[in-house]
């Protein structure tokens, strides 16, 4: 699909810029030029398509759907996990969504299922993984993320932790009865275009940094160089990857180039996916914002359960693949 651009970047690096074959800087530069254009084109197309699709699932509609299952049934958790994939979510929306769900009478466990699934099974990351790694890897990503979300929500629901939700949550009203506006097709496409441009403006730096680090790895780190350190045979690789990933903050799109280079350099796939899930599912900004509505004990339980789930998933897929 991008062979034309790969040929152009090689021509630029080795003919126009005068680098010689085998030079580390040349390999890093060619990777950076190639992946930057490729990933931004893919991002624009994927974000446009996903934004159009999720225009049918605004937060108000999601809340209304989940509110119909106030009993916290298993079906309710599955529904919350699935809606987490297609509905808009960012760290800044975590608090109002949480308050809105609780105010609408949605059980705490189901609410947490959604809060885990929405950032962890990132729709942009899903599309990028599908295009760059194939449908099998994308399927592993979505299934593992959904399972973690559902199990986390069920556990939190069974523990009856409502007393660890800040009191202001129960007192606030966010307009649960707000009317759901149905935009026209033209409005949906216009909104998708505007949102895509706006999102690219916000995340481009993370993408460039991710590609830059990937380019350095591509130029200097040979294939299988990290196999001994973070391969399947290292029993601590997944745990270390998750611990490193939790405090980091990056858009999922910026992590994809690193995942690609990690696997090329010998990092086991489960370890790479666990790192990506830790960065996207337990990002530091989201935890800081959630602290406004969750008491420290519940926030710690949330991070602990999701973290254990990510570690388990990483080891599981290192074992089966």
C-alpha atoms as a PDB file:
ATOM      1  CA  UNK A   1       0.000   0.000   0.000  1.00  0.00           C
ATOM      2  CA  UNK A   2       2.840   2.391   0.818  1.00  0.00           C
ATOM      3  CA  UNK A   3       5.577   0.871  -1.362  1.00  0.00           C
ATOM      4  CA  UNK A   4       5.586   4.063  -3.453  1.00  0.00           C
ATOM      5  CA  UNK A   5       6.427   6.170  -0.404  1.00  0.00           C
ATOM      6  CA  UNK A   6       9.043   3.676   0.797  1.00  0.00           C
ATOM      7  CA  UNK A   7      10.809   3.998  -2.572  1.00  0.00           C
ATOM      8  CA  UNK A   8      10.688   7.795  -2.335  1.00  0.00           C
ATOM      9  CA  UNK A   9      12.122   7.838   1.208  1.00  0.00           C
ATOM     10  CA  UNK A  10      14.976   5.524   0.198  1.00  0.00           C
ATOM     11  CA  UNK A  11      15.717   7.759  -2.778  1.00  0.00           C
ATOM     12  CA  UNK A  12      15.716  10.842  -0.528  1.00  0.00           C
ATOM     13  CA  UNK A  13      17.984   9.311   2.114  1.00  0.00           C
ATOM     14  CA  UNK A  14      20.495   7.520  -0.086  1.00  0.00           C
ATOM     15  CA  UNK A  15      20.488   9.602  -3.284  1.00  0.00           C
ATOM     16  CA  UNK A  16      19.488  13.134  -2.312  1.00  0.00           C
ATOM     17  CA  UNK A  17      20.979  13.234   1.225  1.00  0.00           C
ATOM     18  CA  UNK A  18      23.944  11.068   0.239  1.00  0.00           C
ATOM     19  CA  UNK A  19      23.888   8.496   3.057  1.00  0.00           C
ATOM     20  CA  UNK A  20      25.453   5.109   2.420  1.00  0.00           C
ATOM     21  CA  UNK A  21      23.697   1.778   2.880  1.00  0.00           C
ATOM     22  CA  UNK A  22      24.180   0.318   6.362  1.00  0.00           C
ATOM     23  CA  UNK A  23      24.560   3.687   8.076  1.00  0.00           C
ATOM     24  CA  UNK A  24      22.642   3.771  11.379  1.00  0.00           C
ATOM     25  CA  UNK A  25      21.502   7.360  10.927  1.00  0.00           C
ATOM     26  CA  UNK A  26      20.314   6.575   7.412  1.00  0.00           C
ATOM     27  CA  UNK A  27      18.203   3.637   8.603  1.00  0.00           C
ATOM     28  CA  UNK A  28      16.698   5.735  11.412  1.00  0.00           C
ATOM     29  CA  UNK A  29      15.951   8.674   9.104  1.00  0.00           C
ATOM     30  CA  UNK A  30      14.405   6.500   6.405  1.00  0.00           C
ATOM     31  CA  UNK A  31      12.205   4.777   9.000  1.00  0.00           C
ATOM     32  CA  UNK A  32      11.152   8.145  10.449  1.00  0.00           C
ATOM     33  CA  UNK A  33      10.231   9.638   7.067  1.00  0.00           C
ATOM     34  CA  UNK A  34       8.401   6.516   5.943  1.00  0.00           C
ATOM     35  CA  UNK A  35       6.455   5.875   9.137  1.00  0.00           C
ATOM     36  CA  UNK A  36       5.535   9.528   9.762  1.00  0.00           C
ATOM     37  CA  UNK A  37       3.679   9.924   6.476  1.00  0.00           C
ATOM     38  CA  UNK A  38       2.245   6.401   6.571  1.00  0.00           C
ATOM     39  CA  UNK A  39       0.912   6.666  10.120  1.00  0.00           C
ATOM     40  CA  UNK A  40      -0.576  10.138   9.679  1.00  0.00           C
ATOM     41  CA  UNK A  41      -2.398   9.032   6.523  1.00  0.00           C
ATOM     42  CA  UNK A  42      -3.708   5.948   8.305  1.00  0.00           C
ATOM     43  CA  UNK A  43      -4.664   8.007  11.357  1.00  0.00           C
ATOM     44  CA  UNK A  44      -6.621  10.521   9.285  1.00  0.00           C
ATOM     45  CA  UNK A  45      -8.573   7.796   7.471  1.00  0.00           C
ATOM     46  CA  UNK A  46      -9.200   5.679  10.580  1.00  0.00           C
ATOM     47  CA  UNK A  47     -10.208   8.609  12.813  1.00  0.00           C
ATOM     48  CA  UNK A  48     -12.588   9.933  10.130  1.00  0.00           C
ATOM     49  CA  UNK A  49     -14.302   6.559   9.770  1.00  0.00           C
ATOM     50  CA  UNK A  50     -14.504   5.886  13.505  1.00  0.00           C
ATOM     51  CA  UNK A  51     -15.748   9.388  14.336  1.00  0.00           C
ATOM     52  CA  UNK A  52     -18.553   8.987  11.818  1.00  0.00           C
ATOM     53  CA  UNK A  53     -19.534   5.597  13.274  1.00  0.00           C
ATOM     54  CA  UNK A  54     -19.472   6.737  16.872  1.00  0.00           C
ATOM     55  CA  UNK A  55     -21.611   9.768  16.062  1.00  0.00           C
ATOM     56  CA  UNK A  56     -24.448   7.286  16.484  1.00  0.00           C
ATOM     57  CA  UNK A  57     -23.337   6.649  20.113  1.00  0.00           C
ATOM     58  CA  UNK A  58     -23.097   9.987  21.970  1.00  0.00           C
ATOM     59  CA  UNK A  59     -22.471   9.835  25.750  1.00  0.00           C
ATOM     60  CA  UNK A  60     -26.129  10.593  26.461  1.00  0.00           C
ATOM     61  CA  UNK A  61     -27.259   7.604  24.399  1.00  0.00           C
ATOM     62  CA  UNK A  62     -24.640   5.352  26.008  1.00  0.00           C
ATOM     63  CA  UNK A  63     -25.823   6.385  29.452  1.00  0.00           C
ATOM     64  CA  UNK A  64     -29.464   5.775  28.479  1.00  0.00           C
ATOM     65  CA  UNK A  65     -28.662   2.287  27.123  1.00  0.00           C
ATOM     66  CA  UNK A  66     -26.742   1.237  30.222  1.00  0.00           C
ATOM     67  CA  UNK A  67     -29.306   2.755  32.576  1.00  0.00           C
ATOM     68  CA  UNK A  68     -31.852   0.212  31.320  1.00  0.00           C
ATOM     69  CA  UNK A  69     -29.804  -2.536  32.997  1.00  0.00           C
ATOM     70  CA  UNK A  70     -29.599  -1.233  36.544  1.00  0.00           C
ATOM     71  CA  UNK A  71     -29.250  -4.688  38.043  1.00  0.00           C
ATOM     72  CA  UNK A  72     -25.585  -5.020  37.105  1.00  0.00           C
ATOM     73  CA  UNK A  73     -26.137  -8.270  35.225  1.00  0.00           C
ATOM     74  CA  UNK A  74     -23.433  -9.993  33.221  1.00  0.00           C
ATOM     75  CA  UNK A  75     -25.132  -8.752  30.033  1.00  0.00           C
ATOM     76  CA  UNK A  76     -24.859  -5.235  31.420  1.00  0.00           C
ATOM     77  CA  UNK A  77     -21.080  -5.615  31.781  1.00  0.00           C
ATOM     78  CA  UNK A  78     -20.752  -7.005  28.245  1.00  0.00           C
ATOM     79  CA  UNK A  79     -22.823  -4.140  26.876  1.00  0.00           C
ATOM     80  CA  UNK A  80     -20.741  -1.580  28.770  1.00  0.00           C
ATOM     81  CA  UNK A  81     -17.510  -3.112  27.456  1.00  0.00           C
ATOM     82  CA  UNK A  82     -18.770  -3.087  23.861  1.00  0.00           C
ATOM     83  CA  UNK A  83     -20.028   0.496  24.119  1.00  0.00           C
ATOM     84  CA  UNK A  84     -16.614   1.468  25.483  1.00  0.00           C
ATOM     85  CA  UNK A  85     -15.100   0.665  22.087  1.00  0.00           C
ATOM     86  CA  UNK A  86     -17.326   2.865  19.947  1.00  0.00           C
ATOM     87  CA  UNK A  87     -18.107   5.820  22.214  1.00  0.00           C
ATOM     88  CA  UNK A  88     -15.919   8.944  22.472  1.00  0.00           C
ATOM     89  CA  UNK A  89     -13.627   8.984  25.499  1.00  0.00           C
ATOM     90  CA  UNK A  90     -10.613  10.911  26.705  1.00  0.00           C
ATOM     91  CA  UNK A  91      -9.040  11.530  30.082  1.00  0.00           C
ATOM     92  CA  UNK A  92     -10.904  14.840  30.476  1.00  0.00           C
ATOM     93  CA  UNK A  93     -14.257  13.091  29.982  1.00  0.00           C
ATOM     94  CA  UNK A  94     -13.673  10.445  32.675  1.00  0.00           C
ATOM     95  CA  UNK A  95     -15.107  12.511  35.552  1.00  0.00           C
ATOM     96  CA  UNK A  96     -18.301  13.814  33.862  1.00  0.00           C
ATOM     97  CA  UNK A  97     -19.003  10.363  32.419  1.00  0.00           C
ATOM     98  CA  UNK A  98     -18.532   8.722  35.812  1.00  0.00           C
ATOM     99  CA  UNK A  99     -20.833  11.237  37.493  1.00  0.00           C
ATOM    100  CA  UNK A 100     -23.409  10.891  34.735  1.00  0.00           C
ATOM    101  CA  UNK A 101     -23.451   7.102  34.931  1.00  0.00           C
ATOM    102  CA  UNK A 102     -23.806   7.068  38.725  1.00  0.00           C
ATOM    103  CA  UNK A 103     -26.506   9.754  38.610  1.00  0.00           C
ATOM    104  CA  UNK A 104     -28.428   7.679  36.043  1.00  0.00           C
ATOM    105  CA  UNK A 105     -28.467   4.715  38.447  1.00  0.00           C
ATOM    106  CA  UNK A 106     -25.961   2.563  36.550  1.00  0.00           C
ATOM    107  CA  UNK A 107     -24.286   0.116  38.987  1.00  0.00           C
ATOM    108  CA  UNK A 108     -20.731   0.950  40.048  1.00  0.00           C
ATOM    109  CA  UNK A 109     -19.353  -2.281  38.583  1.00  0.00           C
ATOM    110  CA  UNK A 110     -20.901  -1.646  35.154  1.00  0.00           C
ATOM    111  CA  UNK A 111     -19.622   1.934  35.254  1.00  0.00           C
ATOM    112  CA  UNK A 112     -16.087   0.695  35.875  1.00  0.00           C
ATOM    113  CA  UNK A 113     -16.390  -1.849  33.068  1.00  0.00           C
ATOM    114  CA  UNK A 114     -17.037   1.055  30.731  1.00  0.00           C
ATOM    115  CA  UNK A 115     -14.272   3.205  32.259  1.00  0.00           C
ATOM    116  CA  UNK A 116     -11.755   0.410  31.686  1.00  0.00           C
ATOM    117  CA  UNK A 117     -12.898  -0.556  28.181  1.00  0.00           C
ATOM    118  CA  UNK A 118     -13.188   2.976  26.751  1.00  0.00           C
ATOM    119  CA  UNK A 119      -9.505   4.013  27.006  1.00  0.00           C
ATOM    120  CA  UNK A 120      -7.975   0.526  26.937  1.00  0.00           C
ATOM    121  CA  UNK A 121      -9.654  -0.751  23.760  1.00  0.00           C
ATOM    122  CA  UNK A 122      -8.850   2.426  21.884  1.00  0.00           C
ATOM    123  CA  UNK A 123     -10.610   2.454  18.532  1.00  0.00           C
ATOM    124  CA  UNK A 124      -7.751   4.270  16.790  1.00  0.00           C
ATOM    125  CA  UNK A 125      -5.215   1.778  18.160  1.00  0.00           C
ATOM    126  CA  UNK A 126      -7.492  -1.058  17.052  1.00  0.00           C
ATOM    127  CA  UNK A 127      -7.606   0.269  13.502  1.00  0.00           C
ATOM    128  CA  UNK A 128      -3.860   0.863  13.408  1.00  0.00           C
ATOM    129  CA  UNK A 129      -3.087  -2.616  14.747  1.00  0.00           C
ATOM    130  CA  UNK A 130      -5.388  -4.145  12.127  1.00  0.00           C
ATOM    131  CA  UNK A 131      -3.685  -2.304   9.263  1.00  0.00           C
ATOM    132  CA  UNK A 132      -0.091  -2.712  10.494  1.00  0.00           C
ATOM    133  CA  UNK A 133      -0.162  -6.170  12.131  1.00  0.00           C
ATOM    134  CA  UNK A 134      -3.198  -7.927  10.675  1.00  0.00           C
ATOM    135  CA  UNK A 135      -6.625  -8.906  11.963  1.00  0.00           C
ATOM    136  CA  UNK A 136      -5.356 -11.645  14.310  1.00  0.00           C
ATOM    137  CA  UNK A 137      -3.298  -9.227  16.413  1.00  0.00           C
ATOM    138  CA  UNK A 138      -6.157  -6.706  16.405  1.00  0.00           C
ATOM    139  CA  UNK A 139      -8.539  -9.451  17.540  1.00  0.00           C
ATOM    140  CA  UNK A 140      -6.190 -10.415  20.384  1.00  0.00           C
ATOM    141  CA  UNK A 141      -6.055  -6.773  21.455  1.00  0.00           C
ATOM    142  CA  UNK A 142      -9.814  -6.269  21.480  1.00  0.00           C
ATOM    143  CA  UNK A 143     -10.686  -9.592  23.143  1.00  0.00           C
ATOM    144  CA  UNK A 144      -8.090  -9.221  25.889  1.00  0.00           C
ATOM    145  CA  UNK A 145      -9.088  -5.616  26.575  1.00  0.00           C
ATOM    146  CA  UNK A 146     -12.785  -6.467  26.754  1.00  0.00           C
ATOM    147  CA  UNK A 147     -12.144  -9.405  29.097  1.00  0.00           C
ATOM    148  CA  UNK A 148     -10.059  -7.215  31.427  1.00  0.00           C
ATOM    149  CA  UNK A 149     -12.812  -4.572  31.453  1.00  0.00           C
ATOM    150  CA  UNK A 150     -15.615  -7.054  32.157  1.00  0.00           C
ATOM    151  CA  UNK A 151     -13.744  -8.954  34.879  1.00  0.00           C
ATOM    152  CA  UNK A 152     -12.581  -5.704  36.532  1.00  0.00           C
ATOM    153  CA  UNK A 153     -16.115  -4.337  36.578  1.00  0.00           C
ATOM    154  CA  UNK A 154     -17.579  -7.562  37.974  1.00  0.00           C
ATOM    155  CA  UNK A 155     -14.986  -7.706  40.778  1.00  0.00           C
ATOM    156  CA  UNK A 156     -15.487  -4.058  41.735  1.00  0.00           C
ATOM    157  CA  UNK A 157     -19.258  -4.547  41.658  1.00  0.00           C
ATOM    158  CA  UNK A 158     -19.100  -7.612  43.911  1.00  0.00           C
ATOM    159  CA  UNK A 159     -16.895  -5.808  46.454  1.00  0.00           C
ATOM    160  CA  UNK A 160     -19.636  -3.225  47.121  1.00  0.00           C
ATOM    161  CA  UNK A 161     -17.318  -0.239  47.148  1.00  0.00           C
ATOM    162  CA  UNK A 162     -19.890   2.538  46.786  1.00  0.00           C
ATOM    163  CA  UNK A 163     -18.785   4.035  50.118  1.00  0.00           C
ATOM    164  CA  UNK A 164     -15.424   4.858  48.556  1.00  0.00           C
ATOM    165  CA  UNK A 165     -16.989   7.118  45.927  1.00  0.00           C
ATOM    166  CA  UNK A 166     -16.653  10.788  46.870  1.00  0.00           C
ATOM    167  CA  UNK A 167     -19.839  12.275  48.319  1.00  0.00           C
ATOM    168  CA  UNK A 168     -20.060  15.026  45.704  1.00  0.00           C
ATOM    169  CA  UNK A 169     -20.788  12.397  43.047  1.00  0.00           C
ATOM    170  CA  UNK A 170     -24.062  11.400  44.685  1.00  0.00           C
ATOM    171  CA  UNK A 171     -25.093  15.044  45.012  1.00  0.00           C
ATOM    172  CA  UNK A 172     -24.410  16.256  41.487  1.00  0.00           C
ATOM    173  CA  UNK A 173     -26.871  16.243  38.623  1.00  0.00           C
ATOM    174  CA  UNK A 174     -25.633  16.291  35.051  1.00  0.00           C
ATOM    175  CA  UNK A 175     -28.840  16.306  33.065  1.00  0.00           C
ATOM    176  CA  UNK A 176     -29.649  12.638  32.607  1.00  0.00           C
ATOM    177  CA  UNK A 177     -32.826  13.633  30.811  1.00  0.00           C
ATOM    178  CA  UNK A 178     -31.042  15.688  28.165  1.00  0.00           C
ATOM    179  CA  UNK A 179     -32.467  15.305  24.678  1.00  0.00           C
ATOM    180  CA  UNK A 180     -30.409  13.187  22.267  1.00  0.00           C
ATOM    181  CA  UNK A 181     -29.916  15.186  19.067  1.00  0.00           C
ATOM    182  CA  UNK A 182     -29.790  13.233  15.805  1.00  0.00           C
ATOM    183  CA  UNK A 183     -27.508  15.001  13.302  1.00  0.00           C
ATOM    184  CA  UNK A 184     -27.947  14.729   9.545  1.00  0.00           C
ATOM    185  CA  UNK A 185     -25.519  12.754   7.372  1.00  0.00           C
ATOM    186  CA  UNK A 186     -23.885  15.987   6.221  1.00  0.00           C
ATOM    187  CA  UNK A 187     -23.446  17.094   9.818  1.00  0.00           C
ATOM    188  CA  UNK A 188     -21.953  13.699  10.745  1.00  0.00           C
ATOM    189  CA  UNK A 189     -19.332  13.914   7.978  1.00  0.00           C
ATOM    190  CA  UNK A 190     -18.540  17.549   8.792  1.00  0.00           C
ATOM    191  CA  UNK A 191     -18.172  16.734  12.485  1.00  0.00           C
ATOM    192  CA  UNK A 192     -15.930  13.757  11.638  1.00  0.00           C
ATOM    193  CA  UNK A 193     -13.680  15.977   9.511  1.00  0.00           C
ATOM    194  CA  UNK A 194     -13.448  18.729  12.130  1.00  0.00           C
ATOM    195  CA  UNK A 195     -12.832  16.224  14.929  1.00  0.00           C
ATOM    196  CA  UNK A 196     -10.119  14.456  12.902  1.00  0.00           C
ATOM    197  CA  UNK A 197      -8.216  17.674  12.243  1.00  0.00           C
ATOM    198  CA  UNK A 198      -8.605  18.797  15.855  1.00  0.00           C
ATOM    199  CA  UNK A 199      -7.426  15.441  17.235  1.00  0.00           C
ATOM    200  CA  UNK A 200      -4.424  15.317  14.897  1.00  0.00           C
ATOM    201  CA  UNK A 201      -3.416  18.785  16.118  1.00  0.00           C
ATOM    202  CA  UNK A 202      -3.531  17.528  19.702  1.00  0.00           C
ATOM    203  CA  UNK A 203      -1.744  14.206  19.271  1.00  0.00           C
ATOM    204  CA  UNK A 204       0.791  14.874  16.514  1.00  0.00           C
ATOM    205  CA  UNK A 205       3.616  15.475  18.981  1.00  0.00           C
ATOM    206  CA  UNK A 206       3.030  12.094  20.673  1.00  0.00           C
ATOM    207  CA  UNK A 207       2.971  10.373  17.295  1.00  0.00           C
ATOM    208  CA  UNK A 208       6.189  12.071  16.153  1.00  0.00           C
ATOM    209  CA  UNK A 209       7.944  11.222  19.438  1.00  0.00           C
ATOM    210  CA  UNK A 210       6.803   7.609  19.178  1.00  0.00           C
ATOM    211  CA  UNK A 211       7.994   7.349  15.582  1.00  0.00           C
ATOM    212  CA  UNK A 212      11.255   9.073  16.510  1.00  0.00           C
ATOM    213  CA  UNK A 213      12.002   6.567  19.269  1.00  0.00           C
ATOM    214  CA  UNK A 214      10.994   3.777  16.907  1.00  0.00           C
ATOM    215  CA  UNK A 215      13.350   5.183  14.271  1.00  0.00           C
ATOM    216  CA  UNK A 216      16.273   5.205  16.706  1.00  0.00           C
ATOM    217  CA  UNK A 217      15.508   1.600  17.627  1.00  0.00           C
ATOM    218  CA  UNK A 218      15.225   0.677  13.960  1.00  0.00           C
ATOM    219  CA  UNK A 219      18.601   2.237  13.171  1.00  0.00           C
ATOM    220  CA  UNK A 220      20.616   0.943  16.132  1.00  0.00           C
ATOM    221  CA  UNK A 221      18.783  -2.021  17.655  1.00  0.00           C
ATOM    222  CA  UNK A 222      19.220  -5.178  15.550  1.00  0.00           C
ATOM    223  CA  UNK A 223      16.519  -7.800  15.146  1.00  0.00           C
ATOM    224  CA  UNK A 224      16.136 -10.023  18.246  1.00  0.00           C
ATOM    225  CA  UNK A 225      18.425  -7.729  20.265  1.00  0.00           C
ATOM    226  CA  UNK A 226      15.910  -7.517  23.097  1.00  0.00           C
ATOM    227  CA  UNK A 227      14.915 -11.174  22.992  1.00  0.00           C
ATOM    228  CA  UNK A 228      17.002 -12.064  26.056  1.00  0.00           C
ATOM    229  CA  UNK A 229      15.811  -9.069  28.055  1.00  0.00           C
ATOM    230  CA  UNK A 230      12.115  -8.947  27.154  1.00  0.00           C
ATOM    231  CA  UNK A 231      11.484 -12.181  25.289  1.00  0.00           C
ATOM    232  CA  UNK A 232       9.153 -14.994  26.280  1.00  0.00           C
ATOM    233  CA  UNK A 233      11.788 -16.623  28.479  1.00  0.00           C
ATOM    234  CA  UNK A 234      12.075 -13.676  30.875  1.00  0.00           C
ATOM    235  CA  UNK A 235       9.456 -14.261  33.608  1.00  0.00           C
ATOM    236  CA  UNK A 236       9.546 -10.611  34.713  1.00  0.00           C
ATOM    237  CA  UNK A 237       9.301  -8.943  31.283  1.00  0.00           C
ATOM    238  CA  UNK A 238       5.528  -8.359  31.282  1.00  0.00           C
ATOM    239  CA  UNK A 239       5.484  -7.100  34.872  1.00  0.00           C
ATOM    240  CA  UNK A 240       8.301  -4.633  34.185  1.00  0.00           C
ATOM    241  CA  UNK A 241       6.624  -3.438  30.979  1.00  0.00           C
ATOM    242  CA  UNK A 242       3.376  -2.700  32.829  1.00  0.00           C
ATOM    243  CA  UNK A 243       5.154  -0.921  35.716  1.00  0.00           C
ATOM    244  CA  UNK A 244       7.011   1.255  33.206  1.00  0.00           C
ATOM    245  CA  UNK A 245       3.873   1.904  31.140  1.00  0.00           C
ATOM    246  CA  UNK A 246       1.517   2.999  33.934  1.00  0.00           C
ATOM    247  CA  UNK A 247       3.120   6.405  34.726  1.00  0.00           C
ATOM    248  CA  UNK A 248       3.722   7.230  31.058  1.00  0.00           C
ATOM    249  CA  UNK A 249       1.278   9.298  29.056  1.00  0.00           C
ATOM    250  CA  UNK A 250       0.887   9.078  25.316  1.00  0.00           C
ATOM    251  CA  UNK A 251      -1.868   8.805  22.796  1.00  0.00           C
ATOM    252  CA  UNK A 252      -2.368   5.231  21.600  1.00  0.00           C
ATOM    253  CA  UNK A 253      -1.341   6.251  18.092  1.00  0.00           C
ATOM    254  CA  UNK A 254       2.073   7.269  19.411  1.00  0.00           C
ATOM    255  CA  UNK A 255       2.558   3.841  21.016  1.00  0.00           C
ATOM    256  CA  UNK A 256       1.873   1.787  17.867  1.00  0.00           C
ATOM    257  CA  UNK A 257       5.266   2.548  16.209  1.00  0.00           C
ATOM    258  CA  UNK A 258       6.987   1.495  19.450  1.00  0.00           C
ATOM    259  CA  UNK A 259       5.001  -1.746  19.613  1.00  0.00           C
ATOM    260  CA  UNK A 260       6.045  -2.465  16.034  1.00  0.00           C
ATOM    261  CA  UNK A 261       9.714  -1.866  16.820  1.00  0.00           C
ATOM    262  CA  UNK A 262       9.551  -3.751  20.116  1.00  0.00           C
ATOM    263  CA  UNK A 263       8.321  -6.880  18.337  1.00  0.00           C
ATOM    264  CA  UNK A 264      10.885  -6.455  15.550  1.00  0.00           C
ATOM    265  CA  UNK A 265      13.676  -6.197  18.149  1.00  0.00           C
ATOM    266  CA  UNK A 266      12.600  -9.398  19.871  1.00  0.00           C
ATOM    267  CA  UNK A 267      10.157  -8.256  22.548  1.00  0.00           C
ATOM    268  CA  UNK A 268       7.411 -10.841  22.953  1.00  0.00           C
ATOM    269  CA  UNK A 269       4.050  -9.765  21.547  1.00  0.00           C
ATOM    270  CA  UNK A 270       2.234 -10.204  24.872  1.00  0.00           C
ATOM    271  CA  UNK A 271       4.798  -7.981  26.578  1.00  0.00           C
ATOM    272  CA  UNK A 272       4.423  -5.303  23.888  1.00  0.00           C
ATOM    273  CA  UNK A 273       0.619  -5.357  24.107  1.00  0.00           C
ATOM    274  CA  UNK A 274       0.755  -5.249  27.922  1.00  0.00           C
ATOM    275  CA  UNK A 275       2.942  -2.144  27.727  1.00  0.00           C
ATOM    276  CA  UNK A 276       0.507  -0.474  25.322  1.00  0.00           C
ATOM    277  CA  UNK A 277      -2.504  -1.364  27.479  1.00  0.00           C
ATOM    278  CA  UNK A 278      -0.808   0.022  30.594  1.00  0.00           C
ATOM    279  CA  UNK A 279      -0.101   3.332  28.853  1.00  0.00           C
ATOM    280  CA  UNK A 280      -3.616   3.700  27.385  1.00  0.00           C
ATOM    281  CA  UNK A 281      -5.702   2.008  30.110  1.00  0.00           C
ATOM    282  CA  UNK A 282      -4.011   3.386  33.225  1.00  0.00           C
ATOM    283  CA  UNK A 283      -2.734   6.757  32.070  1.00  0.00           C
ATOM    284  CA  UNK A 284      -1.590   9.135  34.794  1.00  0.00           C
ATOM    285  CA  UNK A 285      -3.858  12.060  33.715  1.00  0.00           C
ATOM    286  CA  UNK A 286      -6.934   9.826  33.904  1.00  0.00           C
ATOM    287  CA  UNK A 287      -5.960   8.625  37.396  1.00  0.00           C
ATOM    288  CA  UNK A 288      -5.461  12.214  38.572  1.00  0.00           C
ATOM    289  CA  UNK A 289      -8.879  13.217  37.266  1.00  0.00           C
ATOM    290  CA  UNK A 290     -10.607  10.133  38.661  1.00  0.00           C
ATOM    291  CA  UNK A 291      -9.212  11.000  42.090  1.00  0.00           C
ATOM    292  CA  UNK A 292     -11.753  13.848  42.128  1.00  0.00           C
ATOM    293  CA  UNK A 293     -14.609  11.315  42.266  1.00  0.00           C
ATOM    294  CA  UNK A 294     -12.940   8.267  43.853  1.00  0.00           C
ATOM    295  CA  UNK A 295     -11.437   7.970  47.298  1.00  0.00           C
ATOM    296  CA  UNK A 296      -7.816   6.741  47.374  1.00  0.00           C
ATOM    297  CA  UNK A 297      -8.749   3.169  48.360  1.00  0.00           C
ATOM    298  CA  UNK A 298     -11.161   2.679  45.449  1.00  0.00           C
ATOM    299  CA  UNK A 299      -8.720   4.298  43.009  1.00  0.00           C
ATOM    300  CA  UNK A 300      -5.955   1.963  44.252  1.00  0.00           C
ATOM    301  CA  UNK A 301      -8.258  -1.062  43.907  1.00  0.00           C
ATOM    302  CA  UNK A 302      -9.164   0.041  40.374  1.00  0.00           C
ATOM    303  CA  UNK A 303      -5.508   0.436  39.331  1.00  0.00           C
ATOM    304  CA  UNK A 304      -4.556  -2.839  41.031  1.00  0.00           C
ATOM    305  CA  UNK A 305      -7.292  -4.946  39.417  1.00  0.00           C
ATOM    306  CA  UNK A 306      -6.728  -3.529  35.931  1.00  0.00           C
ATOM    307  CA  UNK A 307      -2.945  -3.802  36.327  1.00  0.00           C
ATOM    308  CA  UNK A 308      -3.171  -7.455  37.352  1.00  0.00           C
ATOM    309  CA  UNK A 309      -5.495  -8.102  34.417  1.00  0.00           C
ATOM    310  CA  UNK A 310      -3.045  -6.543  31.969  1.00  0.00           C
ATOM    311  CA  UNK A 311      -0.121  -8.526  33.406  1.00  0.00           C
ATOM    312  CA  UNK A 312      -2.104 -11.767  33.218  1.00  0.00           C
ATOM    313  CA  UNK A 313      -3.098 -11.051  29.606  1.00  0.00           C
ATOM    314  CA  UNK A 314       0.502 -10.335  28.650  1.00  0.00           C
ATOM    315  CA  UNK A 315       1.737 -13.622  30.087  1.00  0.00           C
ATOM    316  CA  UNK A 316      -1.199 -15.519  28.568  1.00  0.00           C
ATOM    317  CA  UNK A 317      -0.517 -14.316  25.034  1.00  0.00           C
ATOM    318  CA  UNK A 318       3.226 -14.792  25.405  1.00  0.00           C
ATOM    319  CA  UNK A 319       2.403 -18.402  26.260  1.00  0.00           C
ATOM    320  CA  UNK A 320      -0.113 -19.105  23.473  1.00  0.00           C
ATOM    321  CA  UNK A 321       1.721 -17.270  20.654  1.00  0.00           C
END
